[in-house]
Every structure is written in C-alpha cells, then in structure tokens.
PDB file of all heavy atoms in Angstrom:
ATOM      1  N   GLY A   1     111.931   7.382 -60.118  1.00  0.00           N
ATOM      2  CA  GLY A   1     113.000   6.500 -60.528  1.00  0.00           C
ATOM      3  C   GLY A   1     114.266   7.149 -61.052  1.00  0.00           C
ATOM      4  O   GLY A   1     115.162   6.469 -61.525  1.00  0.00           O
ATOM      5  N   ARG A   2     114.330   8.486 -61.010  1.00  0.00           N
ATOM      6  CA  ARG A   2     115.504   9.185 -61.531  1.00  0.00           C
ATOM      7  C   ARG A   2     115.926  10.281 -60.573  1.00  0.00           C
ATOM      8  O   ARG A   2     115.102  10.922 -59.923  1.00  0.00           O
ATOM      9  CB  ARG A   2     115.189   9.796 -62.896  1.00  0.00           C
ATOM     10  CG  ARG A   2     114.779   8.716 -63.892  1.00  0.00           C
ATOM     11  CD  ARG A   2     114.516   9.276 -65.247  1.00  0.00           C
ATOM     12  NE  ARG A   2     115.813   9.498 -65.895  1.00  0.00           N
ATOM     13  CZ  ARG A   2     115.980  10.189 -67.005  1.00  0.00           C
ATOM     14  NH1 ARG A   2     114.943  10.766 -67.592  1.00  0.00           N
ATOM     15  NH2 ARG A   2     117.153  10.329 -67.543  1.00  0.00           N
ATOM     16  N   GLU A   3     117.242  10.493 -60.481  1.00  0.00           N
ATOM     17  CA  GLU A   3     117.766  11.569 -59.645  1.00  0.00           C
ATOM     18  C   GLU A   3     117.410  12.928 -60.264  1.00  0.00           C
ATOM     19  O   GLU A   3     117.309  13.055 -61.473  1.00  0.00           O
ATOM     20  CB  GLU A   3     119.283  11.447 -59.500  1.00  0.00           C
ATOM     21  CG  GLU A   3     119.723  10.222 -58.736  1.00  0.00           C
ATOM     22  CD  GLU A   3     121.238  10.224 -58.546  1.00  0.00           C
ATOM     23  OE1 GLU A   3     121.822  11.311 -58.371  1.00  0.00           O
ATOM     24  OE2 GLU A   3     121.800   9.116 -58.584  1.00  0.00           O
ATOM     25  N   ALA A   4     117.254  13.935 -59.421  1.00  0.00           N
ATOM     26  CA  ALA A   4     116.860  15.270 -59.888  1.00  0.00           C
ATOM     27  C   ALA A   4     117.901  15.879 -60.825  1.00  0.00           C
ATOM     28  O   ALA A   4     117.549  16.676 -61.683  1.00  0.00           O
ATOM     29  CB  ALA A   4     116.635  16.205 -58.705  1.00  0.00           C
ATOM     30  N   LYS A   5     119.144  15.483 -60.734  1.00  0.00           N
ATOM     31  CA  LYS A   5     120.184  16.051 -61.590  1.00  0.00           C
ATOM     32  C   LYS A   5     120.292  15.344 -62.937  1.00  0.00           C
ATOM     33  O   LYS A   5     121.071  15.737 -63.791  1.00  0.00           O
ATOM     34  CB  LYS A   5     121.526  16.047 -60.877  1.00  0.00           C
ATOM     35  CG  LYS A   5     122.038  14.644 -60.567  1.00  0.00           C
ATOM     36  CD  LYS A   5     123.336  14.694 -59.797  1.00  0.00           C
ATOM     37  CE  LYS A   5     123.777  13.280 -59.459  1.00  0.00           C
ATOM     38  NZ  LYS A   5     125.006  13.282 -58.696  1.00  0.00           N
ATOM     39  N   THR A   6     119.518  14.298 -63.156  1.00  0.00           N
ATOM     40  CA  THR A   6     119.569  13.557 -64.417  1.00  0.00           C
ATOM     41  C   THR A   6     118.960  14.350 -65.550  1.00  0.00           C
ATOM     42  O   THR A   6     117.919  14.953 -65.392  1.00  0.00           O
ATOM     43  CB  THR A   6     118.788  12.222 -64.264  1.00  0.00           C
ATOM     44  OG1 THR A   6     119.332  11.485 -63.159  1.00  0.00           O
ATOM     45  CG2 THR A   6     118.901  11.392 -65.526  1.00  0.00           C
ATOM     46  N   LYS A   7     119.640  14.345 -66.685  1.00  0.00           N
ATOM     47  CA  LYS A   7     119.113  15.049 -67.861  1.00  0.00           C
ATOM     48  C   LYS A   7     117.990  14.245 -68.504  1.00  0.00           C
ATOM     49  O   LYS A   7     118.076  13.033 -68.645  1.00  0.00           O
ATOM     50  CB  LYS A   7     120.202  15.246 -68.920  1.00  0.00           C
ATOM     51  CG  LYS A   7     121.163  16.349 -68.625  1.00  0.00           C
ATOM     52  CD  LYS A   7     122.084  16.526 -69.822  1.00  0.00           C
ATOM     53  CE  LYS A   7     123.178  17.535 -69.527  1.00  0.00           C
ATOM     54  NZ  LYS A   7     124.097  17.668 -70.667  1.00  0.00           N
ATOM     55  N   SER A   8     116.967  14.943 -68.881  1.00  0.00           N
ATOM     56  CA  SER A   8     115.887  14.400 -69.718  1.00  0.00           C
ATOM     57  C   SER A   8     115.889  15.277 -70.972  1.00  0.00           C
ATOM     58  O   SER A   8     116.670  16.233 -71.075  1.00  0.00           O
ATOM     59  CB  SER A   8     114.553  14.491 -68.992  1.00  0.00           C
ATOM     60  OG  SER A   8     114.581  13.676 -67.845  1.00  0.00           O
ATOM     61  N   TYR A   9     115.005  14.975 -71.916  1.00  0.00           N
ATOM     62  CA  TYR A   9     115.050  15.708 -73.175  1.00  0.00           C
ATOM     63  C   TYR A   9     113.662  16.094 -73.685  1.00  0.00           C
ATOM     64  O   TYR A   9     112.713  15.325 -73.545  1.00  0.00           O
ATOM     65  CB  TYR A   9     115.793  14.889 -74.247  1.00  0.00           C
ATOM     66  CG  TYR A   9     117.225  14.722 -73.852  1.00  0.00           C
ATOM     67  CD1 TYR A   9     117.634  13.685 -73.064  1.00  0.00           C
ATOM     68  CD2 TYR A   9     118.171  15.671 -74.243  1.00  0.00           C
ATOM     69  CE1 TYR A   9     118.958  13.564 -72.658  1.00  0.00           C
ATOM     70  CE2 TYR A   9     119.495  15.568 -73.856  1.00  0.00           C
ATOM     71  CZ  TYR A   9     119.885  14.496 -73.062  1.00  0.00           C
ATOM     72  OH  TYR A   9     121.180  14.392 -72.658  1.00  0.00           O
ATOM     73  N   MET A  10     113.585  17.280 -74.231  1.00  0.00           N
ATOM     74  CA  MET A  10     112.358  17.765 -74.849  1.00  0.00           C
ATOM     75  C   MET A  10     112.614  17.795 -76.352  1.00  0.00           C
ATOM     76  O   MET A  10     113.529  18.505 -76.833  1.00  0.00           O
ATOM     77  CB  MET A  10     111.998  19.157 -74.336  1.00  0.00           C
ATOM     78  CG  MET A  10     110.625  19.592 -74.731  1.00  0.00           C
ATOM     79  SD  MET A  10     109.286  18.654 -73.992  1.00  0.00           S
ATOM     80  CE  MET A  10     109.429  19.116 -72.276  1.00  0.00           C
ATOM     81  N   TRP A  11     111.851  16.995 -77.067  1.00  0.00           N
ATOM     82  CA  TRP A  11     111.924  16.962 -78.527  1.00  0.00           C
ATOM     83  C   TRP A  11     110.883  17.938 -79.047  1.00  0.00           C
ATOM     84  O   TRP A  11     109.727  17.873 -78.658  1.00  0.00           O
ATOM     85  CB  TRP A  11     111.631  15.545 -79.024  1.00  0.00           C
ATOM     86  CG  TRP A  11     112.724  14.582 -78.627  1.00  0.00           C
ATOM     87  CD1 TRP A  11     112.891  14.002 -77.405  1.00  0.00           C
ATOM     88  CD2 TRP A  11     113.784  14.125 -79.419  1.00  0.00           C
ATOM     89  NE1 TRP A  11     113.995  13.195 -77.393  1.00  0.00           N
ATOM     90  CE2 TRP A  11     114.582  13.251 -78.637  1.00  0.00           C
ATOM     91  CE3 TRP A  11     114.175  14.358 -80.753  1.00  0.00           C
ATOM     92  CZ2 TRP A  11     115.701  12.623 -79.114  1.00  0.00           C
ATOM     93  CZ3 TRP A  11     115.315  13.708 -81.219  1.00  0.00           C
ATOM     94  CH2 TRP A  11     116.056  12.874 -80.420  1.00  0.00           C
ATOM     95  N   LEU A  12     111.307  18.856 -79.887  1.00  0.00           N
ATOM     96  CA  LEU A  12     110.429  19.901 -80.397  1.00  0.00           C
ATOM     97  C   LEU A  12     110.252  19.727 -81.902  1.00  0.00           C
ATOM     98  O   LEU A  12     111.217  19.511 -82.628  1.00  0.00           O
ATOM     99  CB  LEU A  12     111.018  21.284 -80.124  1.00  0.00           C
ATOM    100  CG  LEU A  12     111.359  21.554 -78.655  1.00  0.00           C
ATOM    101  CD1 LEU A  12     112.221  22.781 -78.529  1.00  0.00           C
ATOM    102  CD2 LEU A  12     110.094  21.723 -77.866  1.00  0.00           C
ATOM    103  N   TYR A  13     109.017  19.849 -82.341  1.00  0.00           N
ATOM    104  CA  TYR A  13     108.687  19.754 -83.751  1.00  0.00           C
ATOM    105  C   TYR A  13     107.835  20.972 -84.117  1.00  0.00           C
ATOM    106  O   TYR A  13     106.853  21.260 -83.431  1.00  0.00           O
ATOM    107  CB  TYR A  13     107.920  18.477 -84.061  1.00  0.00           C
ATOM    108  CG  TYR A  13     108.663  17.237 -83.618  1.00  0.00           C
ATOM    109  CD1 TYR A  13     108.345  16.622 -82.414  1.00  0.00           C
ATOM    110  CD2 TYR A  13     109.661  16.683 -84.395  1.00  0.00           C
ATOM    111  CE1 TYR A  13     109.045  15.500 -81.986  1.00  0.00           C
ATOM    112  CE2 TYR A  13     110.357  15.548 -84.008  1.00  0.00           C
ATOM    113  CZ  TYR A  13     110.034  14.962 -82.784  1.00  0.00           C
ATOM    114  OH  TYR A  13     110.688  13.840 -82.370  1.00  0.00           O
ATOM    115  N   GLN A  14     108.201  21.668 -85.199  1.00  0.00           N
ATOM    116  CA  GLN A  14     107.436  22.837 -85.638  1.00  0.00           C
ATOM    117  C   GLN A  14     107.139  22.697 -87.122  1.00  0.00           C
ATOM    118  O   GLN A  14     108.029  22.476 -87.929  1.00  0.00           O
ATOM    119  CB  GLN A  14     108.206  24.123 -85.394  1.00  0.00           C
ATOM    120  CG  GLN A  14     107.459  25.344 -85.904  1.00  0.00           C
ATOM    121  CD  GLN A  14     108.181  26.641 -85.596  1.00  0.00           C
ATOM    122  OE1 GLN A  14     108.670  26.837 -84.517  1.00  0.00           O
ATOM    123  NE2 GLN A  14     108.216  27.535 -86.579  1.00  0.00           N
ATOM    124  N   THR A  15     105.857  22.887 -87.447  1.00  0.00           N
ATOM    125  CA  THR A  15     105.490  22.881 -88.861  1.00  0.00           C
ATOM    126  C   THR A  15     105.986  24.167 -89.501  1.00  0.00           C
ATOM    127  O   THR A  15     106.160  25.189 -88.814  1.00  0.00           O
ATOM    128  CB  THR A  15     103.962  22.770 -89.038  1.00  0.00           C
ATOM    129  OG1 THR A  15     103.328  23.886 -88.396  1.00  0.00           O
ATOM    130  CG2 THR A  15     103.427  21.474 -88.441  1.00  0.00           C
ATOM    131  N   GLY A  16     106.193  24.133 -90.785  1.00  0.00           N
ATOM    132  CA  GLY A  16     106.663  25.309 -91.499  1.00  0.00           C
ATOM    133  C   GLY A  16     105.629  26.390 -91.569  1.00  0.00           C
ATOM    134  O   GLY A  16     104.430  26.164 -91.468  1.00  0.00           O
ATOM    135  N   SER A  17     106.085  27.606 -91.715  1.00  0.00           N
ATOM    136  CA  SER A  17     105.165  28.728 -91.860  1.00  0.00           C
ATOM    137  C   SER A  17     105.007  29.034 -93.347  1.00  0.00           C
ATOM    138  O   SER A  17     105.658  28.467 -94.186  1.00  0.00           O
ATOM    139  CB  SER A  17     105.714  29.959 -91.123  1.00  0.00           C
ATOM    140  OG  SER A  17     106.980  30.290 -91.641  1.00  0.00           O
ATOM    141  N   GLY A  18     104.127  29.931 -93.643  1.00  0.00           N
ATOM    142  CA  GLY A  18     103.916  30.333 -95.028  1.00  0.00           C
ATOM    143  C   GLY A  18     102.671  29.748 -95.654  1.00  0.00           C
ATOM    144  O   GLY A  18     102.270  30.147 -96.726  1.00  0.00           O
ATOM    145  N   GLY A  19     102.030  28.808 -94.987  1.00  0.00           N
ATOM    146  CA  GLY A  19     100.794  28.248 -95.481  1.00  0.00           C
ATOM    147  C   GLY A  19      99.602  29.057 -95.016  1.00  0.00           C
ATOM    148  O   GLY A  19      99.751  30.187 -94.532  1.00  0.00           O
ATOM    149  N   THR A  20      98.430  28.487 -95.145  1.00  0.00           N
ATOM    150  CA  THR A  20      97.235  29.204 -94.714  1.00  0.00           C
ATOM    151  C   THR A  20      97.001  29.062 -93.197  1.00  0.00           C
ATOM    152  O   THR A  20      96.191  29.811 -92.661  1.00  0.00           O
ATOM    153  CB  THR A  20      96.003  28.653 -95.462  1.00  0.00           C
ATOM    154  OG1 THR A  20      95.898  27.241 -95.212  1.00  0.00           O
ATOM    155  CG2 THR A  20      96.132  28.915 -96.941  1.00  0.00           C
ATOM    156  N   SER A  21      97.665  28.134 -92.566  1.00  0.00           N
ATOM    157  CA  SER A  21      97.541  27.933 -91.115  1.00  0.00           C
ATOM    158  C   SER A  21      98.775  28.433 -90.407  1.00  0.00           C
ATOM    159  O   SER A  21      99.874  28.372 -90.961  1.00  0.00           O
ATOM    160  CB  SER A  21      97.330  26.452 -90.798  1.00  0.00           C
ATOM    161  OG  SER A  21      96.192  25.961 -91.447  1.00  0.00           O
ATOM    162  N   PRO A  22      98.622  28.890 -89.152  1.00  0.00           N
ATOM    163  CA  PRO A  22      99.818  29.276 -88.406  1.00  0.00           C
ATOM    164  C   PRO A  22     100.645  28.026 -88.066  1.00  0.00           C
ATOM    165  O   PRO A  22     100.123  26.922 -88.037  1.00  0.00           O
ATOM    166  CB  PRO A  22      99.232  29.911 -87.141  1.00  0.00           C
ATOM    167  CG  PRO A  22      97.854  29.395 -87.044  1.00  0.00           C
ATOM    168  CD  PRO A  22      97.399  29.087 -88.413  1.00  0.00           C
ATOM    169  N   PRO A  23     101.930  28.202 -87.803  1.00  0.00           N
ATOM    170  CA  PRO A  23     102.783  27.065 -87.450  1.00  0.00           C
ATOM    171  C   PRO A  23     102.278  26.395 -86.178  1.00  0.00           C
ATOM    172  O   PRO A  23     101.733  27.056 -85.297  1.00  0.00           O
ATOM    173  CB  PRO A  23     104.160  27.685 -87.229  1.00  0.00           C
ATOM    174  CG  PRO A  23     104.109  29.044 -87.818  1.00  0.00           C
ATOM    175  CD  PRO A  23     102.683  29.449 -87.833  1.00  0.00           C
ATOM    176  N   ALA A  24     102.477  25.115 -86.085  1.00  0.00           N
ATOM    177  CA  ALA A  24     102.170  24.351 -84.875  1.00  0.00           C
ATOM    178  C   ALA A  24     103.480  23.878 -84.259  1.00  0.00           C
ATOM    179  O   ALA A  24     104.395  23.473 -84.974  1.00  0.00           O
ATOM    180  CB  ALA A  24     101.278  23.168 -85.204  1.00  0.00           C
ATOM    181  N   ILE A  25     103.556  23.944 -82.934  1.00  0.00           N
ATOM    182  CA  ILE A  25     104.753  23.478 -82.224  1.00  0.00           C
ATOM    183  C   ILE A  25     104.329  22.359 -81.288  1.00  0.00           C
ATOM    184  O   ILE A  25     103.373  22.508 -80.515  1.00  0.00           O
ATOM    185  CB  ILE A  25     105.414  24.603 -81.418  1.00  0.00           C
ATOM    186  CG1 ILE A  25     105.798  25.750 -82.370  1.00  0.00           C
ATOM    187  CG2 ILE A  25     106.624  24.073 -80.676  1.00  0.00           C
ATOM    188  CD1 ILE A  25     106.305  26.989 -81.655  1.00  0.00           C
ATOM    189  N   ILE A  26     105.014  21.239 -81.374  1.00  0.00           N
ATOM    190  CA  ILE A  26     104.728  20.079 -80.535  1.00  0.00           C
ATOM    191  C   ILE A  26     105.934  19.832 -79.644  1.00  0.00           C
ATOM    192  O   ILE A  26     107.083  19.798 -80.108  1.00  0.00           O
ATOM    193  CB  ILE A  26     104.452  18.848 -81.423  1.00  0.00           C
ATOM    194  CG1 ILE A  26     103.228  19.124 -82.286  1.00  0.00           C
ATOM    195  CG2 ILE A  26     104.276  17.598 -80.568  1.00  0.00           C
ATOM    196  CD1 ILE A  26     103.037  18.137 -83.389  1.00  0.00           C
ATOM    197  N   TYR A  27     105.681  19.633 -78.360  1.00  0.00           N
ATOM    198  CA  TYR A  27     106.699  19.325 -77.375  1.00  0.00           C
ATOM    199  C   TYR A  27     106.535  17.856 -76.967  1.00  0.00           C
ATOM    200  O   TYR A  27     105.467  17.451 -76.522  1.00  0.00           O
ATOM    201  CB  TYR A  27     106.541  20.212 -76.132  1.00  0.00           C
ATOM    202  CG  TYR A  27     106.723  21.676 -76.417  1.00  0.00           C
ATOM    203  CD1 TYR A  27     105.675  22.458 -76.894  1.00  0.00           C
ATOM    204  CD2 TYR A  27     107.970  22.281 -76.198  1.00  0.00           C
ATOM    205  CE1 TYR A  27     105.853  23.807 -77.154  1.00  0.00           C
ATOM    206  CE2 TYR A  27     108.133  23.632 -76.450  1.00  0.00           C
ATOM    207  CZ  TYR A  27     107.066  24.387 -76.918  1.00  0.00           C
ATOM    208  OH  TYR A  27     107.229  25.714 -77.187  1.00  0.00           O
ATOM    209  N   ASP A  28     107.568  17.073 -77.143  1.00  0.00           N
ATOM    210  CA  ASP A  28     107.516  15.629 -76.839  1.00  0.00           C
ATOM    211  C   ASP A  28     108.602  15.303 -75.825  1.00  0.00           C
ATOM    212  O   ASP A  28     109.787  15.202 -76.164  1.00  0.00           O
ATOM    213  CB  ASP A  28     107.720  14.834 -78.132  1.00  0.00           C
ATOM    214  CG  ASP A  28     107.631  13.331 -77.915  1.00  0.00           C
ATOM    215  OD1 ASP A  28     106.871  12.883 -77.042  1.00  0.00           O
ATOM    216  OD2 ASP A  28     108.349  12.615 -78.627  1.00  0.00           O
ATOM    217  N   TYR A  29     108.195  15.128 -74.563  1.00  0.00           N
ATOM    218  CA  TYR A  29     109.147  14.817 -73.492  1.00  0.00           C
ATOM    219  C   TYR A  29     109.585  13.366 -73.590  1.00  0.00           C
ATOM    220  O   TYR A  29     108.752  12.467 -73.768  1.00  0.00           O
ATOM    221  CB  TYR A  29     108.519  15.058 -72.123  1.00  0.00           C
ATOM    222  CG  TYR A  29     109.367  14.450 -71.018  1.00  0.00           C
ATOM    223  CD1 TYR A  29     110.501  15.119 -70.559  1.00  0.00           C
ATOM    224  CD2 TYR A  29     109.075  13.204 -70.501  1.00  0.00           C
ATOM    225  CE1 TYR A  29     111.299  14.561 -69.591  1.00  0.00           C
ATOM    226  CE2 TYR A  29     109.870  12.634 -69.518  1.00  0.00           C
ATOM    227  CZ  TYR A  29     110.975  13.313 -69.077  1.00  0.00           C
ATOM    228  OH  TYR A  29     111.775  12.751 -68.126  1.00  0.00           O
ATOM    229  N   GLN A  30     110.888  13.135 -73.458  1.00  0.00           N
ATOM    230  CA  GLN A  30     111.431  11.783 -73.420  1.00  0.00           C
ATOM    231  C   GLN A  30     112.575  11.736 -72.393  1.00  0.00           C
ATOM    232  O   GLN A  30     113.286  12.722 -72.219  1.00  0.00           O
ATOM    233  CB  GLN A  30     111.952  11.361 -74.796  1.00  0.00           C
ATOM    234  CG  GLN A  30     110.895  11.289 -75.879  1.00  0.00           C
ATOM    235  CD  GLN A  30     109.855  10.199 -75.618  1.00  0.00           C
ATOM    236  OE1 GLN A  30     110.058   9.293 -74.820  1.00  0.00           O
ATOM    237  NE2 GLN A  30     108.709  10.318 -76.284  1.00  0.00           N
ATOM    238  N   PRO A  31     112.778  10.609 -71.752  1.00  0.00           N
ATOM    239  CA  PRO A  31     113.825  10.528 -70.733  1.00  0.00           C
ATOM    240  C   PRO A  31     115.239  10.410 -71.281  1.00  0.00           C
ATOM    241  O   PRO A  31     116.205  10.587 -70.563  1.00  0.00           O
ATOM    242  CB  PRO A  31     113.437   9.265 -69.948  1.00  0.00           C
ATOM    243  CG  PRO A  31     112.672   8.440 -70.898  1.00  0.00           C
ATOM    244  CD  PRO A  31     111.954   9.399 -71.787  1.00  0.00           C
ATOM    245  N   TRP A  32     115.396  10.106 -72.567  1.00  0.00           N
ATOM    246  CA  TRP A  32     116.723   9.898 -73.155  1.00  0.00           C
ATOM    247  C   TRP A  32     116.869  10.666 -74.476  1.00  0.00           C
ATOM    248  O   TRP A  32     115.873  11.040 -75.074  1.00  0.00           O
ATOM    249  CB  TRP A  32     116.981   8.418 -73.409  1.00  0.00           C
ATOM    250  CG  TRP A  32     116.626   7.553 -72.245  1.00  0.00           C
ATOM    251  CD1 TRP A  32     115.575   6.701 -72.152  1.00  0.00           C
ATOM    252  CD2 TRP A  32     117.302   7.485 -70.994  1.00  0.00           C
ATOM    253  NE1 TRP A  32     115.561   6.080 -70.919  1.00  0.00           N
ATOM    254  CE2 TRP A  32     116.594   6.559 -70.182  1.00  0.00           C
ATOM    255  CE3 TRP A  32     118.423   8.112 -70.473  1.00  0.00           C
ATOM    256  CZ2 TRP A  32     116.990   6.251 -68.894  1.00  0.00           C
ATOM    257  CZ3 TRP A  32     118.796   7.787 -69.170  1.00  0.00           C
ATOM    258  CH2 TRP A  32     118.097   6.873 -68.409  1.00  0.00           C
ATOM    259  N   ARG A  33     118.091  10.797 -74.916  1.00  0.00           N
ATOM    260  CA  ARG A  33     118.390  11.443 -76.193  1.00  0.00           C
ATOM    261  C   ARG A  33     118.771  10.367 -77.209  1.00  0.00           C
ATOM    262  O   ARG A  33     119.938  10.068 -77.403  1.00  0.00           O
ATOM    263  CB  ARG A  33     119.512  12.459 -76.040  1.00  0.00           C
ATOM    264  CG  ARG A  33     119.774  13.260 -77.305  1.00  0.00           C
ATOM    265  CD  ARG A  33     120.886  14.248 -77.077  1.00  0.00           C
ATOM    266  NE  ARG A  33     121.005  15.163 -78.216  1.00  0.00           N
ATOM    267  CZ  ARG A  33     122.136  15.493 -78.769  1.00  0.00           C
ATOM    268  NH1 ARG A  33     123.272  15.017 -78.301  1.00  0.00           N
ATOM    269  NH2 ARG A  33     122.173  16.318 -79.777  1.00  0.00           N
ATOM    270  N   SER A  34     117.794   9.799 -77.814  1.00  0.00           N
ATOM    271  CA  SER A  34     118.008   8.758 -78.816  1.00  0.00           C
ATOM    272  C   SER A  34     117.231   9.125 -80.072  1.00  0.00           C
ATOM    273  O   SER A  34     116.066   9.497 -79.996  1.00  0.00           O
ATOM    274  CB  SER A  34     117.515   7.408 -78.276  1.00  0.00           C
ATOM    275  OG  SER A  34     117.432   6.448 -79.303  1.00  0.00           O
ATOM    276  N   GLY A  35     117.880   8.941 -81.216  1.00  0.00           N
ATOM    277  CA  GLY A  35     117.198   9.199 -82.480  1.00  0.00           C
ATOM    278  C   GLY A  35     115.999   8.307 -82.693  1.00  0.00           C
ATOM    279  O   GLY A  35     115.144   8.609 -83.544  1.00  0.00           O
ATOM    280  N   LEU A  36     115.877   7.241 -81.933  1.00  0.00           N
ATOM    281  CA  LEU A  36     114.698   6.362 -82.065  1.00  0.00           C
ATOM    282  C   LEU A  36     113.398   7.108 -81.705  1.00  0.00           C
ATOM    283  O   LEU A  36     112.352   6.799 -82.233  1.00  0.00           O
ATOM    284  CB  LEU A  36     114.843   5.126 -81.191  1.00  0.00           C
ATOM    285  CG  LEU A  36     115.874   4.111 -81.664  1.00  0.00           C
ATOM    286  CD1 LEU A  36     116.031   2.973 -80.660  1.00  0.00           C
ATOM    287  CD2 LEU A  36     115.482   3.568 -83.030  1.00  0.00           C
ATOM    288  N   TYR A  37     113.507   8.077 -80.796  1.00  0.00           N
ATOM    289  CA  TYR A  37     112.288   8.838 -80.450  1.00  0.00           C
ATOM    290  C   TYR A  37     111.810   9.652 -81.653  1.00  0.00           C
ATOM    291  O   TYR A  37     110.615   9.678 -81.950  1.00  0.00           O
ATOM    292  CB  TYR A  37     112.546   9.778 -79.261  1.00  0.00           C
ATOM    293  CG  TYR A  37     112.810   9.047 -77.979  1.00  0.00           C
ATOM    294  CD1 TYR A  37     114.010   9.187 -77.304  1.00  0.00           C
ATOM    295  CD2 TYR A  37     111.851   8.203 -77.433  1.00  0.00           C
ATOM    296  CE1 TYR A  37     114.242   8.505 -76.111  1.00  0.00           C
ATOM    297  CE2 TYR A  37     112.080   7.512 -76.249  1.00  0.00           C
ATOM    298  CZ  TYR A  37     113.273   7.670 -75.597  1.00  0.00           C
ATOM    299  OH  TYR A  37     113.506   7.002 -74.434  1.00  0.00           O
ATOM    300  N   ALA A  38     112.731  10.310 -82.319  1.00  0.00           N
ATOM    301  CA  ALA A  38     112.360  11.059 -83.546  1.00  0.00           C
ATOM    302  C   ALA A  38     111.869  10.117 -84.618  1.00  0.00           C
ATOM    303  O   ALA A  38     110.867  10.392 -85.289  1.00  0.00           O
ATOM    304  CB  ALA A  38     113.552  11.880 -84.042  1.00  0.00           C
ATOM    305  N   LYS A  39     112.520   8.995 -84.787  1.00  0.00           N
ATOM    306  CA  LYS A  39     112.109   8.017 -85.800  1.00  0.00           C
ATOM    307  C   LYS A  39     110.684   7.539 -85.524  1.00  0.00           C
ATOM    308  O   LYS A  39     109.860   7.502 -86.432  1.00  0.00           O
ATOM    309  CB  LYS A  39     113.060   6.845 -85.801  1.00  0.00           C
ATOM    310  CG  LYS A  39     112.697   5.768 -86.803  1.00  0.00           C
ATOM    311  CD  LYS A  39     113.668   4.611 -86.757  1.00  0.00           C
ATOM    312  CE  LYS A  39     113.251   3.528 -87.760  1.00  0.00           C
ATOM    313  NZ  LYS A  39     114.188   2.420 -87.736  1.00  0.00           N
ATOM    314  N   ASN A  40     110.387   7.174 -84.285  1.00  0.00           N
ATOM    315  CA  ASN A  40     109.035   6.710 -83.949  1.00  0.00           C
ATOM    316  C   ASN A  40     108.002   7.788 -84.070  1.00  0.00           C
ATOM    317  O   ASN A  40     106.905   7.577 -84.567  1.00  0.00           O
ATOM    318  CB  ASN A  40     109.034   6.118 -82.540  1.00  0.00           C
ATOM    319  CG  ASN A  40     109.803   4.813 -82.452  1.00  0.00           C
ATOM    320  OD1 ASN A  40     109.987   4.117 -83.448  1.00  0.00           O
ATOM    321  ND2 ASN A  40     110.279   4.490 -81.281  1.00  0.00           N
ATOM    322  N   TYR A  41     108.348   9.008 -83.601  1.00  0.00           N
ATOM    323  CA  TYR A  41     107.372  10.096 -83.626  1.00  0.00           C
ATOM    324  C   TYR A  41     107.060  10.521 -85.057  1.00  0.00           C
ATOM    325  O   TYR A  41     105.920  10.847 -85.387  1.00  0.00           O
ATOM    326  CB  TYR A  41     107.889  11.292 -82.829  1.00  0.00           C
ATOM    327  CG  TYR A  41     106.792  12.288 -82.579  1.00  0.00           C
ATOM    328  CD1 TYR A  41     105.961  12.156 -81.469  1.00  0.00           C
ATOM    329  CD2 TYR A  41     106.559  13.336 -83.449  1.00  0.00           C
ATOM    330  CE1 TYR A  41     104.943  13.044 -81.249  1.00  0.00           C
ATOM    331  CE2 TYR A  41     105.524  14.241 -83.239  1.00  0.00           C
ATOM    332  CZ  TYR A  41     104.738  14.072 -82.145  1.00  0.00           C
ATOM    333  OH  TYR A  41     103.714  14.962 -81.930  1.00  0.00           O
ATOM    334  N   LEU A  42     108.052  10.456 -85.916  1.00  0.00           N
ATOM    335  CA  LEU A  42     107.890  10.933 -87.289  1.00  0.00           C
ATOM    336  C   LEU A  42     107.663   9.800 -88.295  1.00  0.00           C
ATOM    337  O   LEU A  42     107.795  10.010 -89.491  1.00  0.00           O
ATOM    338  CB  LEU A  42     109.131  11.755 -87.701  1.00  0.00           C
ATOM    339  CG  LEU A  42     109.354  13.016 -86.879  1.00  0.00           C
ATOM    340  CD1 LEU A  42     110.706  13.637 -87.256  1.00  0.00           C
ATOM    341  CD2 LEU A  42     108.229  14.009 -87.061  1.00  0.00           C
TER     342      LEU A  42
END
C-alpha cells in the first residue's frame, strides 16, 4: 500500500547504562512520524 520512495520511521528506545544489567535497545517500526507513537509506546 505504499510507494518504495515513501519514508517510514524507526523509533528507537534505549535503557540507561550504569545499572546491573546491560542496556536494552528496542526498535519500533511505524509508518509515520507522529509523537502519538512515542506516547502510546511509553
């Protein structure tokens, strides 16, 4: 449903370092750049 030249967005979330666990990185693909994605995810 989308042309190959259409931009999509990868939302990246990384936990802080310095704790007892290594940082975790989460990649969340979304078709648009809207702050609603971050709001819903977080």
